[in-house]
Amino acid sequence: MDEDQIDIDPLFIGMTRPPIVLGVPMEFFGINFILFGIGMIAFLSLTGKLLFILCVCVPLHIAAYIATEKEPHWMKIYVTKFTKCAPIRNRVHWKSNSYKP
């Protein structure tokens, strides 16, 4: 084994993974399912429902699946980022989040 490579234990990775449904985190699956339900209610025709599923729900699920393959905790990372580090009013002046004037 090379000195630069890190030894990763697959059991540790499996024990720390978030709950996953169909390859995406459970929270995202719930959001996508709610969006699917809204599309089923909003569109009356069968073709409209099918187009909504193929154009909105399936691409979102594929994008989330790819993001989950790269980082299983991506959903929690973004939720934490947007709840703890929300943009503030003087962002334009400082070109970043500044919490003191």
PDB file of N, CA and C in Angstrom:
ATOM      1  N   MET A   1       0.823  -1.169   0.000  1.00  0.00           N
ATOM      2  CA  MET A   1       0.000   0.000   0.000  1.00  0.00           C
ATOM      3  C   MET A   1       0.880   1.250   0.000  1.00  0.00           C
ATOM      4  N   ASP A   2       0.457   2.235  -0.725  1.00  0.00           N
ATOM      5  CA  ASP A   2       1.207   3.478  -0.869  1.00  0.00           C
ATOM      6  C   ASP A   2       1.086   4.321   0.395  1.00  0.00           C
ATOM      7  N   GLU A   3       2.087   5.125   0.696  1.00  0.00           N
ATOM      8  CA  GLU A   3       2.081   5.961   1.891  1.00  0.00           C
ATOM      9  C   GLU A   3       1.012   7.055   1.827  1.00  0.00           C
ATOM     10  N   ASP A   4       0.665   7.520   0.621  1.00  0.00           N
ATOM     11  CA  ASP A   4      -0.277   8.622   0.471  1.00  0.00           C
ATOM     12  C   ASP A   4      -1.731   8.183   0.550  1.00  0.00           C
ATOM     13  N   GLN A   5      -2.005   6.905   0.397  1.00  0.00           N
ATOM     14  CA  GLN A   5      -3.382   6.425   0.420  1.00  0.00           C
ATOM     15  C   GLN A   5      -3.866   6.236   1.860  1.00  0.00           C
ATOM     16  N   ILE A   6      -5.124   6.545   2.073  1.00  0.00           N
ATOM     17  CA  ILE A   6      -5.728   6.386   3.389  1.00  0.00           C
ATOM     18  C   ILE A   6      -6.477   5.066   3.416  1.00  0.00           C
ATOM     19  N   ASP A   7      -6.300   4.317   4.482  1.00  0.00           N
ATOM     20  CA  ASP A   7      -7.000   3.046   4.633  1.00  0.00           C
ATOM     21  C   ASP A   7      -8.424   3.328   5.106  1.00  0.00           C
ATOM     22  N   ILE A   8      -9.418   2.950   4.308  1.00  0.00           N
ATOM     23  CA  ILE A   8     -10.819   3.199   4.626  1.00  0.00           C
ATOM     24  C   ILE A   8     -11.479   1.871   4.944  1.00  0.00           C
ATOM     25  N   ASP A   9     -12.140   1.829   6.075  1.00  0.00           N
ATOM     26  CA  ASP A   9     -12.849   0.634   6.499  1.00  0.00           C
ATOM     27  C   ASP A   9     -14.286   0.689   5.983  1.00  0.00           C
ATOM     28  N   PRO A  10     -14.716  -0.266   5.125  1.00  0.00           N
ATOM     29  CA  PRO A  10     -16.068  -0.208   4.575  1.00  0.00           C
ATOM     30  C   PRO A  10     -17.158  -0.344   5.639  1.00  0.00           C
ATOM     31  N   LEU A  11     -16.879  -1.023   6.735  1.00  0.00           N
ATOM     32  CA  LEU A  11     -17.867  -1.149   7.795  1.00  0.00           C
ATOM     33  C   LEU A  11     -18.139   0.210   8.446  1.00  0.00           C
ATOM     34  N   PHE A  12     -17.092   1.002   8.658  1.00  0.00           N
ATOM     35  CA  PHE A  12     -17.255   2.336   9.237  1.00  0.00           C
ATOM     36  C   PHE A  12     -18.073   3.226   8.311  1.00  0.00           C
ATOM     37  N   ILE A  13     -17.827   3.164   7.015  1.00  0.00           N
ATOM     38  CA  ILE A  13     -18.582   3.968   6.044  1.00  0.00           C
ATOM     39  C   ILE A  13     -20.050   3.555   6.059  1.00  0.00           C
ATOM     40  N   GLY A  14     -20.309   2.276   6.102  1.00  0.00           N
ATOM     41  CA  GLY A  14     -21.691   1.801   6.118  1.00  0.00           C
ATOM     42  C   GLY A  14     -22.427   2.160   7.395  1.00  0.00           C
ATOM     43  N   MET A  15     -21.739   2.211   8.505  1.00  0.00           N
ATOM     44  CA  MET A  15     -22.383   2.522   9.781  1.00  0.00           C
ATOM     45  C   MET A  15     -22.674   4.014   9.930  1.00  0.00           C
ATOM     46  N   THR A  16     -21.940   4.869   9.219  1.00  0.00           N
ATOM     47  CA  THR A  16     -22.135   6.305   9.361  1.00  0.00           C
ATOM     48  C   THR A  16     -22.953   6.910   8.227  1.00  0.00           C
ATOM     49  N   ARG A  17     -23.386   6.116   7.281  1.00  0.00           N
ATOM     50  CA  ARG A  17     -24.192   6.629   6.170  1.00  0.00           C
ATOM     51  C   ARG A  17     -25.577   7.026   6.629  1.00  0.00           C
ATOM     52  N   PRO A  18     -26.135   8.090   6.033  1.00  0.00           N
ATOM     53  CA  PRO A  18     -27.501   8.472   6.391  1.00  0.00           C
ATOM     54  C   PRO A  18     -28.505   7.479   5.809  1.00  0.00           C
ATOM     55  N   PRO A  19     -29.748   7.463   6.286  1.00  0.00           N
ATOM     56  CA  PRO A  19     -30.755   6.571   5.712  1.00  0.00           C
ATOM     57  C   PRO A  19     -31.014   6.933   4.248  1.00  0.00           C
ATOM     58  N   ILE A  20     -30.974   5.931   3.380  1.00  0.00           N
ATOM     59  CA  ILE A  20     -31.089   6.164   1.941  1.00  0.00           C
ATOM     60  C   ILE A  20     -32.267   5.368   1.392  1.00  0.00           C
ATOM     61  N   VAL A  21     -33.064   6.020   0.535  1.00  0.00           N
ATOM     62  CA  VAL A  21     -34.190   5.382  -0.137  1.00  0.00           C
ATOM     63  C   VAL A  21     -33.976   5.557  -1.638  1.00  0.00           C
ATOM     64  N   LEU A  22     -33.907   4.467  -2.378  1.00  0.00           N
ATOM     65  CA  LEU A  22     -33.681   4.472  -3.822  1.00  0.00           C
ATOM     66  C   LEU A  22     -32.436   5.256  -4.214  1.00  0.00           C
ATOM     67  N   GLY A  23     -31.408   5.224  -3.384  1.00  0.00           N
ATOM     68  CA  GLY A  23     -30.134   5.847  -3.710  1.00  0.00           C
ATOM     69  C   GLY A  23     -29.996   7.297  -3.313  1.00  0.00           C
ATOM     70  N   VAL A  24     -31.010   7.900  -2.697  1.00  0.00           N
ATOM     71  CA  VAL A  24     -30.944   9.296  -2.262  1.00  0.00           C
ATOM     72  C   VAL A  24     -31.275   9.373  -0.778  1.00  0.00           C
ATOM     73  N   PRO A  25     -30.849  10.439  -0.087  1.00  0.00           N
ATOM     74  CA  PRO A  25     -31.200  10.563   1.337  1.00  0.00           C
ATOM     75  C   PRO A  25     -32.708  10.605   1.543  1.00  0.00           C
ATOM     76  N   MET A  26     -33.147  10.114   2.684  1.00  0.00           N
ATOM     77  CA  MET A  26     -34.571  10.008   2.964  1.00  0.00           C
ATOM     78  C   MET A  26     -35.263  11.377   2.929  1.00  0.00           C
ATOM     79  N   GLU A  27     -34.578  12.427   3.385  1.00  0.00           N
ATOM     80  CA  GLU A  27     -35.173  13.763   3.370  1.00  0.00           C
ATOM     81  C   GLU A  27     -35.451  14.219   1.943  1.00  0.00           C
ATOM     82  N   PHE A  28     -34.475  14.006   1.052  1.00  0.00           N
ATOM     83  CA  PHE A  28     -34.669  14.413  -0.335  1.00  0.00           C
ATOM     84  C   PHE A  28     -35.754  13.570  -1.000  1.00  0.00           C
ATOM     85  N   PHE A  29     -35.800  12.287  -0.676  1.00  0.00           N
ATOM     86  CA  PHE A  29     -36.845  11.435  -1.235  1.00  0.00           C
ATOM     87  C   PHE A  29     -38.224  11.944  -0.828  1.00  0.00           C
ATOM     88  N   GLY A  30     -38.360  12.386   0.414  1.00  0.00           N
ATOM     89  CA  GLY A  30     -39.629  12.946   0.865  1.00  0.00           C
ATOM     90  C   GLY A  30     -39.991  14.215   0.103  1.00  0.00           C
ATOM     91  N   ILE A  31     -39.018  15.089  -0.118  1.00  0.00           N
ATOM     92  CA  ILE A  31     -39.263  16.316  -0.882  1.00  0.00           C
ATOM     93  C   ILE A  31     -39.664  15.979  -2.309  1.00  0.00           C
ATOM     94  N   ASN A  32     -38.954  15.044  -2.925  1.00  0.00           N
ATOM     95  CA  ASN A  32     -39.265  14.645  -4.302  1.00  0.00           C
ATOM     96  C   ASN A  32     -40.640  13.973  -4.377  1.00  0.00           C
ATOM     97  N   PHE A  33     -41.003  13.213  -3.364  1.00  0.00           N
ATOM     98  CA  PHE A  33     -42.312  12.557  -3.331  1.00  0.00           C
ATOM     99  C   PHE A  33     -43.439  13.576  -3.197  1.00  0.00           C
ATOM    100  N   ILE A  34     -43.222  14.600  -2.371  1.00  0.00           N
ATOM    101  CA  ILE A  34     -44.216  15.664  -2.243  1.00  0.00           C
ATOM    102  C   ILE A  34     -44.359  16.415  -3.558  1.00  0.00           C
ATOM    103  N   LEU A  35     -43.253  16.703  -4.222  1.00  0.00           N
ATOM    104  CA  LEU A  35     -43.287  17.358  -5.532  1.00  0.00           C
ATOM    105  C   LEU A  35     -44.020  16.496  -6.553  1.00  0.00           C
ATOM    106  N   PHE A  36     -43.795  15.200  -6.504  1.00  0.00           N
ATOM    107  CA  PHE A  36     -44.499  14.259  -7.370  1.00  0.00           C
ATOM    108  C   PHE A  36     -46.004  14.314  -7.118  1.00  0.00           C
ATOM    109  N   GLY A  37     -46.407  14.337  -5.852  1.00  0.00           N
ATOM    110  CA  GLY A  37     -47.825  14.405  -5.508  1.00  0.00           C
ATOM    111  C   GLY A  37     -48.470  15.695  -5.970  1.00  0.00           C
ATOM    112  N   ILE A  38     -47.748  16.810  -5.839  1.00  0.00           N
ATOM    113  CA  ILE A  38     -48.270  18.087  -6.323  1.00  0.00           C
ATOM    114  C   ILE A  38     -48.454  18.053  -7.825  1.00  0.00           C
ATOM    115  N   GLY A  39     -47.514  17.431  -8.533  1.00  0.00           N
ATOM    116  CA  GLY A  39     -47.646  17.303  -9.985  1.00  0.00           C
ATOM    117  C   GLY A  39     -48.821  16.432 -10.384  1.00  0.00           C
ATOM    118  N   MET A  40     -49.089  15.401  -9.613  1.00  0.00           N
ATOM    119  CA  MET A  40     -50.227  14.529  -9.923  1.00  0.00           C
ATOM    120  C   MET A  40     -51.553  15.254  -9.703  1.00  0.00           C
ATOM    121  N   ILE A  41     -51.593  16.120  -8.728  1.00  0.00           N
ATOM    122  CA  ILE A  41     -52.819  16.878  -8.471  1.00  0.00           C
ATOM    123  C   ILE A  41     -52.977  18.017  -9.467  1.00  0.00           C
ATOM    124  N   ALA A  42     -51.886  18.692  -9.812  1.00  0.00           N
ATOM    125  CA  ALA A  42     -51.952  19.893 -10.650  1.00  0.00           C
ATOM    126  C   ALA A  42     -52.318  19.586 -12.102  1.00  0.00           C
ATOM    127  N   PHE A  43     -51.804  18.499 -12.652  1.00  0.00           N
ATOM    128  CA  PHE A  43     -52.049  18.186 -14.063  1.00  0.00           C
ATOM    129  C   PHE A  43     -53.218  17.216 -14.187  1.00  0.00           C
ATOM    130  N   LEU A  44     -54.147  17.564 -15.058  1.00  0.00           N
ATOM    131  CA  LEU A  44     -55.336  16.733 -15.223  1.00  0.00           C
ATOM    132  C   LEU A  44     -55.130  15.618 -16.240  1.00  0.00           C
ATOM    133  N   SER A  45     -54.406  15.908 -17.301  1.00  0.00           N
ATOM    134  CA  SER A  45     -54.244  14.893 -18.348  1.00  0.00           C
ATOM    135  C   SER A  45     -53.119  13.925 -17.997  1.00  0.00           C
ATOM    136  N   LEU A  46     -53.210  12.748 -18.535  1.00  0.00           N
ATOM    137  CA  LEU A  46     -52.188  11.729 -18.291  1.00  0.00           C
ATOM    138  C   LEU A  46     -50.859  12.119 -18.924  1.00  0.00           C
ATOM    139  N   THR A  47     -50.910  12.751 -20.094  1.00  0.00           N
ATOM    140  CA  THR A  47     -49.660  13.172 -20.741  1.00  0.00           C
ATOM    141  C   THR A  47     -48.988  14.288 -19.950  1.00  0.00           C
ATOM    142  N   GLY A  48     -49.772  15.190 -19.373  1.00  0.00           N
ATOM    143  CA  GLY A  48     -49.191  16.238 -18.534  1.00  0.00           C
ATOM    144  C   GLY A  48     -48.503  15.667 -17.310  1.00  0.00           C
ATOM    145  N   LYS A  49     -49.129  14.673 -16.696  1.00  0.00           N
ATOM    146  CA  LYS A  49     -48.530  14.021 -15.535  1.00  0.00           C
ATOM    147  C   LYS A  49     -47.239  13.302 -15.914  1.00  0.00           C
ATOM    148  N   LEU A  50     -47.266  12.610 -17.050  1.00  0.00           N
ATOM    149  CA  LEU A  50     -46.083  11.887 -17.503  1.00  0.00           C
ATOM    150  C   LEU A  50     -44.944  12.846 -17.836  1.00  0.00           C
ATOM    151  N   LEU A  51     -45.265  13.943 -18.514  1.00  0.00           N
ATOM    152  CA  LEU A  51     -44.233  14.930 -18.834  1.00  0.00           C
ATOM    153  C   LEU A  51     -43.661  15.562 -17.571  1.00  0.00           C
ATOM    154  N   PHE A  52     -44.512  15.829 -16.585  1.00  0.00           N
ATOM    155  CA  PHE A  52     -44.024  16.387 -15.326  1.00  0.00           C
ATOM    156  C   PHE A  52     -43.061  15.424 -14.642  1.00  0.00           C
ATOM    157  N   ILE A  53     -43.420  14.156 -14.615  1.00  0.00           N
ATOM    158  CA  ILE A  53     -42.547  13.159 -13.985  1.00  0.00           C
ATOM    159  C   ILE A  53     -41.213  13.068 -14.729  1.00  0.00           C
ATOM    160  N   LEU A  54     -41.275  12.999 -16.055  1.00  0.00           N
ATOM    161  CA  LEU A  54     -40.055  12.829 -16.842  1.00  0.00           C
ATOM    162  C   LEU A  54     -39.191  14.082 -16.893  1.00  0.00           C
ATOM    163  N   CYS A  55     -39.804  15.263 -16.796  1.00  0.00           N
ATOM    164  CA  CYS A  55     -39.040  16.501 -16.925  1.00  0.00           C
ATOM    165  C   CYS A  55     -38.617  17.107 -15.586  1.00  0.00           C
ATOM    166  N   VAL A  56     -39.295  16.757 -14.494  1.00  0.00           N
ATOM    167  CA  VAL A  56     -38.976  17.373 -13.208  1.00  0.00           C
ATOM    168  C   VAL A  56     -38.492  16.335 -12.188  1.00  0.00           C
ATOM    169  N   CYS A  57     -39.306  15.343 -11.900  1.00  0.00           N
ATOM    170  CA  CYS A  57     -39.001  14.414 -10.806  1.00  0.00           C
ATOM    171  C   CYS A  57     -37.815  13.498 -11.117  1.00  0.00           C
ATOM    172  N   VAL A  58     -37.784  12.931 -12.300  1.00  0.00           N
ATOM    173  CA  VAL A  58     -36.701  12.000 -12.641  1.00  0.00           C
ATOM    174  C   VAL A  58     -35.343  12.707 -12.724  1.00  0.00           C
ATOM    175  N   PRO A  59     -35.225  13.882 -13.396  1.00  0.00           N
ATOM    176  CA  PRO A  59     -33.919  14.556 -13.387  1.00  0.00           C
ATOM    177  C   PRO A  59     -33.457  14.991 -11.995  1.00  0.00           C
ATOM    178  N   LEU A  60     -34.389  15.420 -11.144  1.00  0.00           N
ATOM    179  CA  LEU A  60     -34.015  15.767  -9.769  1.00  0.00           C
ATOM    180  C   LEU A  60     -33.493  14.548  -9.017  1.00  0.00           C
ATOM    181  N   HIS A  61     -34.157  13.413  -9.205  1.00  0.00           N
ATOM    182  CA  HIS A  61     -33.721  12.191  -8.530  1.00  0.00           C
ATOM    183  C   HIS A  61     -32.342  11.758  -9.042  1.00  0.00           C
ATOM    184  N   ILE A  62     -32.115  11.859 -10.341  1.00  0.00           N
ATOM    185  CA  ILE A  62     -30.812  11.480 -10.908  1.00  0.00           C
ATOM    186  C   ILE A  62     -29.712  12.400 -10.385  1.00  0.00           C
ATOM    187  N   ALA A  63     -29.988  13.714 -10.333  1.00  0.00           N
ATOM    188  CA  ALA A  63     -28.997  14.655  -9.809  1.00  0.00           C
ATOM    189  C   ALA A  63     -28.692  14.368  -8.342  1.00  0.00           C
ATOM    190  N   ALA A  64     -29.717  14.060  -7.560  1.00  0.00           N
ATOM    191  CA  ALA A  64     -29.502  13.740  -6.147  1.00  0.00           C
ATOM    192  C   ALA A  64     -28.756  12.419  -5.986  1.00  0.00           C
ATOM    193  N   TYR A  65     -29.022  11.468  -6.865  1.00  0.00           N
ATOM    194  CA  TYR A  65     -28.321  10.179  -6.813  1.00  0.00           C
ATOM    195  C   TYR A  65     -26.824  10.381  -7.076  1.00  0.00           C
ATOM    196  N   ILE A  66     -26.509  11.212  -8.061  1.00  0.00           N
ATOM    197  CA  ILE A  66     -25.099  11.493  -8.375  1.00  0.00           C
ATOM    198  C   ILE A  66     -24.437  12.224  -7.208  1.00  0.00           C
ATOM    199  N   ALA A  67     -25.148  13.186  -6.616  1.00  0.00           N
ATOM    200  CA  ALA A  67     -24.598  13.902  -5.461  1.00  0.00           C
ATOM    201  C   ALA A  67     -24.386  12.961  -4.280  1.00  0.00           C
ATOM    202  N   THR A  68     -25.275  12.000  -4.095  1.00  0.00           N
ATOM    203  CA  THR A  68     -25.148  11.043  -2.995  1.00  0.00           C
ATOM    204  C   THR A  68     -23.982  10.097  -3.219  1.00  0.00           C
ATOM    205  N   GLU A  69     -23.730   9.747  -4.476  1.00  0.00           N
ATOM    206  CA  GLU A  69     -22.582   8.884  -4.765  1.00  0.00           C
ATOM    207  C   GLU A  69     -21.273   9.581  -4.407  1.00  0.00           C
ATOM    208  N   LYS A  70     -21.203  10.900  -4.613  1.00  0.00           N
ATOM    209  CA  LYS A  70     -19.980  11.638  -4.295  1.00  0.00           C
ATOM    210  C   LYS A  70     -19.863  11.937  -2.802  1.00  0.00           C
ATOM    211  N   GLU A  71     -20.952  12.364  -2.185  1.00  0.00           N
ATOM    212  CA  GLU A  71     -20.961  12.698  -0.761  1.00  0.00           C
ATOM    213  C   GLU A  71     -22.294  12.290  -0.156  1.00  0.00           C
ATOM    214  N   PRO A  72     -22.330  11.239   0.658  1.00  0.00           N
ATOM    215  CA  PRO A  72     -23.604  10.765   1.208  1.00  0.00           C
ATOM    216  C   PRO A  72     -24.303  11.784   2.122  1.00  0.00           C
ATOM    217  N   HIS A  73     -23.559  12.684   2.729  1.00  0.00           N
ATOM    218  CA  HIS A  73     -24.137  13.641   3.673  1.00  0.00           C
ATOM    219  C   HIS A  73     -24.393  15.010   3.045  1.00  0.00           C
ATOM    220  N   TRP A  74     -24.549  15.093   1.727  1.00  0.00           N
ATOM    221  CA  TRP A  74     -24.692  16.389   1.067  1.00  0.00           C
ATOM    222  C   TRP A  74     -25.949  17.118   1.514  1.00  0.00           C
ATOM    223  N   MET A  75     -26.998  16.407   1.795  1.00  0.00           N
ATOM    224  CA  MET A  75     -28.247  17.058   2.204  1.00  0.00           C
ATOM    225  C   MET A  75     -28.066  17.758   3.548  1.00  0.00           C
ATOM    226  N   LYS A  76     -27.441  17.097   4.508  1.00  0.00           N
ATOM    227  CA  LYS A  76     -27.212  17.704   5.818  1.00  0.00           C
ATOM    228  C   LYS A  76     -26.229  18.869   5.726  1.00  0.00           C
ATOM    229  N   ILE A  77     -25.244  18.769   4.843  1.00  0.00           N
ATOM    230  CA  ILE A  77     -24.275  19.851   4.674  1.00  0.00           C
ATOM    231  C   ILE A  77     -24.975  21.116   4.183  1.00  0.00           C
ATOM    232  N   TYR A  78     -25.834  20.998   3.174  1.00  0.00           N
ATOM    233  CA  TYR A  78     -26.517  22.175   2.647  1.00  0.00           C
ATOM    234  C   TYR A  78     -27.558  22.725   3.616  1.00  0.00           C
ATOM    235  N   VAL A  79     -28.254  21.860   4.327  1.00  0.00           N
ATOM    236  CA  VAL A  79     -29.223  22.342   5.319  1.00  0.00           C
ATOM    237  C   VAL A  79     -28.498  23.119   6.409  1.00  0.00           C
ATOM    238  N   THR A  80     -27.374  22.615   6.882  1.00  0.00           N
ATOM    239  CA  THR A  80     -26.595  23.323   7.899  1.00  0.00           C
ATOM    240  C   THR A  80     -26.054  24.636   7.360  1.00  0.00           C
ATOM    241  N   LYS A  81     -25.589  24.627   6.124  1.00  0.00           N
ATOM    242  CA  LYS A  81     -25.040  25.847   5.531  1.00  0.00           C
ATOM    243  C   LYS A  81     -26.103  26.936   5.436  1.00  0.00           C
ATOM    244  N   PHE A  82     -27.307  26.585   4.992  1.00  0.00           N
ATOM    245  CA  PHE A  82     -28.335  27.598   4.795  1.00  0.00           C
ATOM    246  C   PHE A  82     -29.009  28.017   6.099  1.00  0.00           C
ATOM    247  N   THR A  83     -28.988  27.171   7.125  1.00  0.00           N
ATOM    248  CA  THR A  83     -29.599  27.574   8.386  1.00  0.00           C
ATOM    249  C   THR A  83     -28.625  28.326   9.289  1.00  0.00           C
ATOM    250  N   LYS A  84     -27.355  27.992   9.240  1.00  0.00           N
ATOM    251  CA  LYS A  84     -26.377  28.625  10.127  1.00  0.00           C
ATOM    252  C   LYS A  84     -25.652  29.802   9.475  1.00  0.00           C
ATOM    253  N   CYS A  85     -25.510  29.787   8.174  1.00  0.00           N
ATOM    254  CA  CYS A  85     -24.723  30.811   7.478  1.00  0.00           C
ATOM    255  C   CYS A  85     -25.565  31.499   6.409  1.00  0.00           C
ATOM    256  N   ALA A  86     -26.712  31.990   6.778  1.00  0.00           N
ATOM    257  CA  ALA A  86     -27.573  32.649   5.803  1.00  0.00           C
ATOM    258  C   ALA A  86     -26.945  33.965   5.349  1.00  0.00           C
ATOM    259  N   PRO A  87     -27.172  34.363   4.085  1.00  0.00           N
ATOM    260  CA  PRO A  87     -26.618  35.632   3.625  1.00  0.00           C
ATOM    261  C   PRO A  87     -27.252  36.809   4.369  1.00  0.00           C
ATOM    262  N   ILE A  88     -26.472  37.852   4.579  1.00  0.00           N
ATOM    263  CA  ILE A  88     -26.954  39.018   5.310  1.00  0.00           C
ATOM    264  C   ILE A  88     -26.951  40.241   4.408  1.00  0.00           C
ATOM    265  N   ARG A  89     -27.464  41.370   4.937  1.00  0.00           N
ATOM    266  CA  ARG A  89     -27.675  42.558   4.111  1.00  0.00           C
ATOM    267  C   ARG A  89     -26.388  43.196   3.625  1.00  0.00           C
ATOM    268  N   ASN A  90     -25.315  43.197   4.387  1.00  0.00           N
ATOM    269  CA  ASN A  90     -24.095  43.874   3.960  1.00  0.00           C
ATOM    270  C   ASN A  90     -23.154  42.962   3.171  1.00  0.00           C
ATOM    271  N   ARG A  91     -23.695  41.916   2.590  1.00  0.00           N
ATOM    272  CA  ARG A  91     -22.903  40.987   1.780  1.00  0.00           C
ATOM    273  C   ARG A  91     -22.328  41.674   0.547  1.00  0.00           C
ATOM    274  N   VAL A  92     -23.086  42.603  -0.049  1.00  0.00           N
ATOM    275  CA  VAL A  92     -22.622  43.307  -1.245  1.00  0.00           C
ATOM    276  C   VAL A  92     -21.403  44.171  -0.919  1.00  0.00           C
ATOM    277  N   HIS A  93     -21.420  44.798   0.239  1.00  0.00           N
ATOM    278  CA  HIS A  93     -20.310  45.678   0.621  1.00  0.00           C
ATOM    279  C   HIS A  93     -19.032  44.892   0.921  1.00  0.00           C
ATOM    280  N   TRP A  94     -19.147  43.819   1.696  1.00  0.00           N
ATOM    281  CA  TRP A  94     -17.968  43.061   2.123  1.00  0.00           C
ATOM    282  C   TRP A  94     -17.605  41.923   1.191  1.00  0.00           C
ATOM    283  N   LYS A  95     -18.417  41.617   0.231  1.00  0.00           N
ATOM    284  CA  LYS A  95     -18.207  40.521  -0.734  1.00  0.00           C
ATOM    285  C   LYS A  95     -18.181  39.142  -0.061  1.00  0.00           C
ATOM    286  N   SER A  96     -18.689  39.052   1.141  1.00  0.00           N
ATOM    287  CA  SER A  96     -18.845  37.775   1.851  1.00  0.00           C
ATOM    288  C   SER A  96     -19.764  38.013   3.036  1.00  0.00           C
ATOM    289  N   ASN A  97     -20.035  36.983   3.805  1.00  0.00           N
ATOM    290  CA  ASN A  97     -20.882  37.153   4.993  1.00  0.00           C
ATOM    291  C   ASN A  97     -20.064  37.796   6.103  1.00  0.00           C
ATOM    292  N   SER A  98     -20.518  38.952   6.546  1.00  0.00           N
ATOM    293  CA  SER A  98     -19.879  39.647   7.654  1.00  0.00           C
ATOM    294  C   SER A  98     -20.954  39.877   8.703  1.00  0.00           C
ATOM    295  N   TYR A  99     -20.689  39.524   9.945  1.00  0.00           N
ATOM    296  CA  TYR A  99     -21.723  39.606  10.964  1.00  0.00           C
ATOM    297  C   TYR A  99     -21.558  40.808  11.875  1.00  0.00           C
ATOM    298  N   LYS A 100     -20.554  41.660  11.613  1.00  0.00           N
ATOM    299  CA  LYS A 100     -20.412  42.907  12.343  1.00  0.00           C
ATOM    300  C   LYS A 100     -20.277  44.037  11.327  1.00  0.00           C
ATOM    301  N   PRO A 101     -20.866  45.208  11.615  1.00  0.00           N
ATOM    302  CA  PRO A 101     -20.809  46.303  10.628  1.00  0.00           C
ATOM    303  C   PRO A 101     -19.444  46.921  10.458  1.00  0.00           C
TER     304      PRO A 101
END
